[in-house]
């Protein structure tokens, strides 16, 4: 008996969220590698910054499967400043961007999923497996390390 291939419950909205659209991601301080910096002194973003919510949290958020939250840049810009995405998270958090196309190149889908108070909210999900693999997380982190919007202060300074 053949095993059925994974079918994501989410729809990749390629006609709604175009490949060149920027997706913003808050970065928890523990996912910043200050030992490895780019030429401008910005820290490397660790792959863990792009992990899905766990099963329990996905259920609490009414997600049909694990996924990761992002903000659609053009919708953020229409309402507020990207720095406001960090207002309740504290100064140690950073804000990076990937493009929807970079996510899709790693077999990720992007779906607009607004929540109360965040009309720009979207999710990124793996189209081939239930939970994002580390190779996709690493690819997203590499892209994000090259596109910082808000760099937090080095905690060692």
Protein backbone atom coordinates (compact mmCIF):
# COMPACT_ATOMS: atom_id res chain seq x y z
CA UNK A 1 0.00 0.00 0.00
CA UNK A 2 1.49 3.31 -1.11
CA UNK A 3 1.79 6.18 1.33
CA UNK A 4 -0.19 9.25 0.30
CA UNK A 5 1.99 12.32 -0.33
CA UNK A 6 1.54 15.20 2.11
CA UNK A 7 -1.23 17.61 1.15
CA UNK A 8 -0.93 20.98 2.93
CA UNK A 9 -4.21 22.36 4.27
CA UNK A 10 -3.01 25.84 3.31
CA UNK A 11 -3.10 27.41 -0.15
CA UNK A 12 -0.04 29.12 -1.62
CA UNK A 13 -1.53 32.41 -2.80
CA UNK A 14 0.82 33.13 -5.69
CA UNK A 15 -1.67 35.51 -7.30
CA UNK A 16 -2.24 37.46 -4.07
CA UNK A 17 1.29 37.55 -2.63
CA UNK A 18 3.68 37.96 -5.55
CA UNK A 19 7.22 36.58 -5.53
CA UNK A 20 8.82 40.01 -5.12
CA UNK A 21 6.74 40.88 -2.04
CA UNK A 22 8.75 41.35 1.14
CA UNK A 23 7.76 39.23 4.13
CA UNK A 24 8.90 40.59 7.48
CA UNK A 25 9.91 38.33 10.35
CA UNK A 26 10.55 39.25 13.98
CA UNK A 27 13.75 37.65 15.25
CA UNK A 28 14.00 36.51 18.86
CA UNK A 29 17.37 37.50 20.42
CA UNK A 30 18.33 33.85 20.98
CA UNK A 31 18.31 33.33 17.21
CA UNK A 32 20.98 35.95 16.56
CA UNK A 33 24.60 34.87 16.18
CA UNK A 34 26.71 37.86 17.18
CA UNK A 35 29.93 35.83 16.76
CA UNK A 36 29.37 35.74 12.99
CA UNK A 37 28.64 39.12 11.44
CA UNK A 38 28.36 40.48 7.93
CA UNK A 39 30.74 43.24 6.73
CA UNK A 40 28.35 45.86 8.16
CA UNK A 41 28.50 44.28 11.65
CA UNK A 42 25.03 42.77 11.57
CA UNK A 43 24.62 39.34 13.20
CA UNK A 44 23.90 36.14 11.35
CA UNK A 45 20.30 34.97 11.71
CA UNK A 46 20.13 31.38 12.94
CA UNK A 47 17.90 28.85 11.19
CA UNK A 48 15.74 28.52 14.32
CA UNK A 49 14.31 31.97 13.61
CA UNK A 50 12.33 30.32 10.80
CA UNK A 51 10.80 27.36 12.59
CA UNK A 52 7.09 26.66 12.57
CA UNK A 53 4.88 27.03 15.59
CA UNK A 54 4.68 23.73 17.45
CA UNK A 55 1.59 21.54 17.18
CA UNK A 56 0.01 22.90 20.39
CA UNK A 57 0.54 26.54 19.48
CA UNK A 58 -0.75 25.90 15.95
CA UNK A 59 -3.96 24.52 17.44
CA UNK A 60 -4.28 27.54 19.78
CA UNK A 61 -3.93 29.83 16.76
CA UNK A 62 -6.55 27.82 14.85
CA UNK A 63 -4.01 26.74 12.23
CA UNK A 64 -4.76 23.49 10.48
CA UNK A 65 -1.06 22.59 10.51
CA UNK A 66 2.21 24.06 11.78
CA UNK A 67 3.23 27.31 10.08
CA UNK A 68 5.28 30.43 10.69
CA UNK A 69 4.00 34.00 11.05
CA UNK A 70 5.24 36.86 8.87
CA UNK A 71 4.02 40.33 7.97
CA UNK A 72 3.42 41.41 4.37
CA UNK A 73 5.53 44.55 3.96
CA UNK A 74 3.22 46.49 1.61
CA UNK A 75 0.30 45.99 4.00
CA UNK A 76 2.40 47.07 7.00
CA UNK A 77 3.51 50.19 5.11
CA UNK A 78 -0.12 51.07 4.33
CA UNK A 79 -1.01 51.16 8.04
CA UNK A 80 2.11 51.78 10.11
CA UNK A 81 5.91 51.73 10.25
CA UNK A 82 7.71 48.35 10.30
CA UNK A 83 9.33 49.31 13.62
CA UNK A 84 5.87 49.10 15.21
CA UNK A 85 5.99 45.32 14.67
CA UNK A 86 8.54 45.22 17.48
CA UNK A 87 6.79 47.67 19.83
CA UNK A 88 5.66 45.03 22.33
CA UNK A 89 8.68 42.75 21.94
CA UNK A 90 11.47 44.91 23.37
CA UNK A 91 14.71 46.31 22.00
CA UNK A 92 16.56 42.99 21.81
CA UNK A 93 14.38 41.76 18.93
CA UNK A 94 15.32 42.34 15.30
CA UNK A 95 13.33 42.57 12.09
CA UNK A 96 14.42 40.91 8.85
CA UNK A 97 12.87 40.39 5.44
CA UNK A 98 12.72 37.62 2.89
CA UNK A 99 10.78 37.65 -0.35
CA UNK A 100 7.87 35.39 -1.08
CA UNK A 101 9.87 34.12 -4.06
CA UNK A 102 12.79 33.13 -1.83
CA UNK A 103 10.38 31.17 0.34
CA UNK A 104 8.75 29.51 -2.66
CA UNK A 105 12.15 28.53 -4.07
CA UNK A 106 12.53 26.44 -0.90
CA UNK A 107 9.15 24.73 -1.46
CA UNK A 108 7.36 27.00 0.99
CA UNK A 109 3.92 28.47 0.46
CA UNK A 110 2.68 31.89 1.54
CA UNK A 111 -0.89 32.64 2.56
CA UNK A 112 -2.44 35.92 3.72
CA UNK A 113 -4.06 35.20 7.07
CA UNK A 114 -4.94 38.45 8.88
CA UNK A 115 -5.53 38.35 12.61
CA UNK A 116 -7.12 40.87 14.95
CA UNK A 117 -4.97 43.99 15.06
CA UNK A 118 -2.64 42.72 12.32
CA UNK A 119 -4.21 43.04 8.88
CA UNK A 120 -0.76 42.41 7.35
CA UNK A 121 -0.37 38.97 8.98
CA UNK A 122 0.44 36.00 6.76
CA UNK A 123 1.83 32.52 7.21
CA UNK A 124 4.63 30.60 5.55
CA UNK A 125 4.25 26.83 5.43
CA UNK A 126 6.03 23.87 3.92
CA UNK A 127 4.23 22.50 0.88
CA UNK A 128 5.85 19.05 0.97
CA UNK A 129 5.95 18.09 4.66
CA UNK A 130 3.91 18.94 7.75
CA UNK A 131 6.80 20.75 9.51
CA UNK A 132 9.53 22.79 7.84
CA UNK A 133 12.82 20.95 7.45
CA UNK A 134 16.10 22.42 8.72
CA UNK A 135 17.37 22.90 5.16
CA UNK A 136 14.45 25.24 4.39
CA UNK A 137 14.96 27.04 7.71
CA UNK A 138 18.64 27.54 6.88
CA UNK A 139 17.83 28.84 3.41
CA UNK A 140 15.35 31.37 4.80
CA UNK A 141 17.85 32.45 7.48
CA UNK A 142 20.56 32.98 4.87
CA UNK A 143 18.26 35.19 2.80
CA UNK A 144 17.16 37.13 5.91
CA UNK A 145 20.73 37.76 7.10
CA UNK A 146 21.22 39.75 3.91
CA UNK A 147 18.09 41.86 4.41
CA UNK A 148 17.95 43.49 7.84
CA UNK A 149 15.34 46.17 8.55
CA UNK A 150 15.99 46.66 12.25
CA UNK A 151 19.19 45.42 13.87
CA UNK A 152 19.03 45.18 17.65
CA UNK A 153 21.95 46.38 19.73
CA UNK A 154 24.70 43.86 20.44
CA UNK A 155 23.92 42.57 23.95
CA UNK A 156 27.64 42.19 24.68
CA UNK A 157 28.30 45.92 24.23
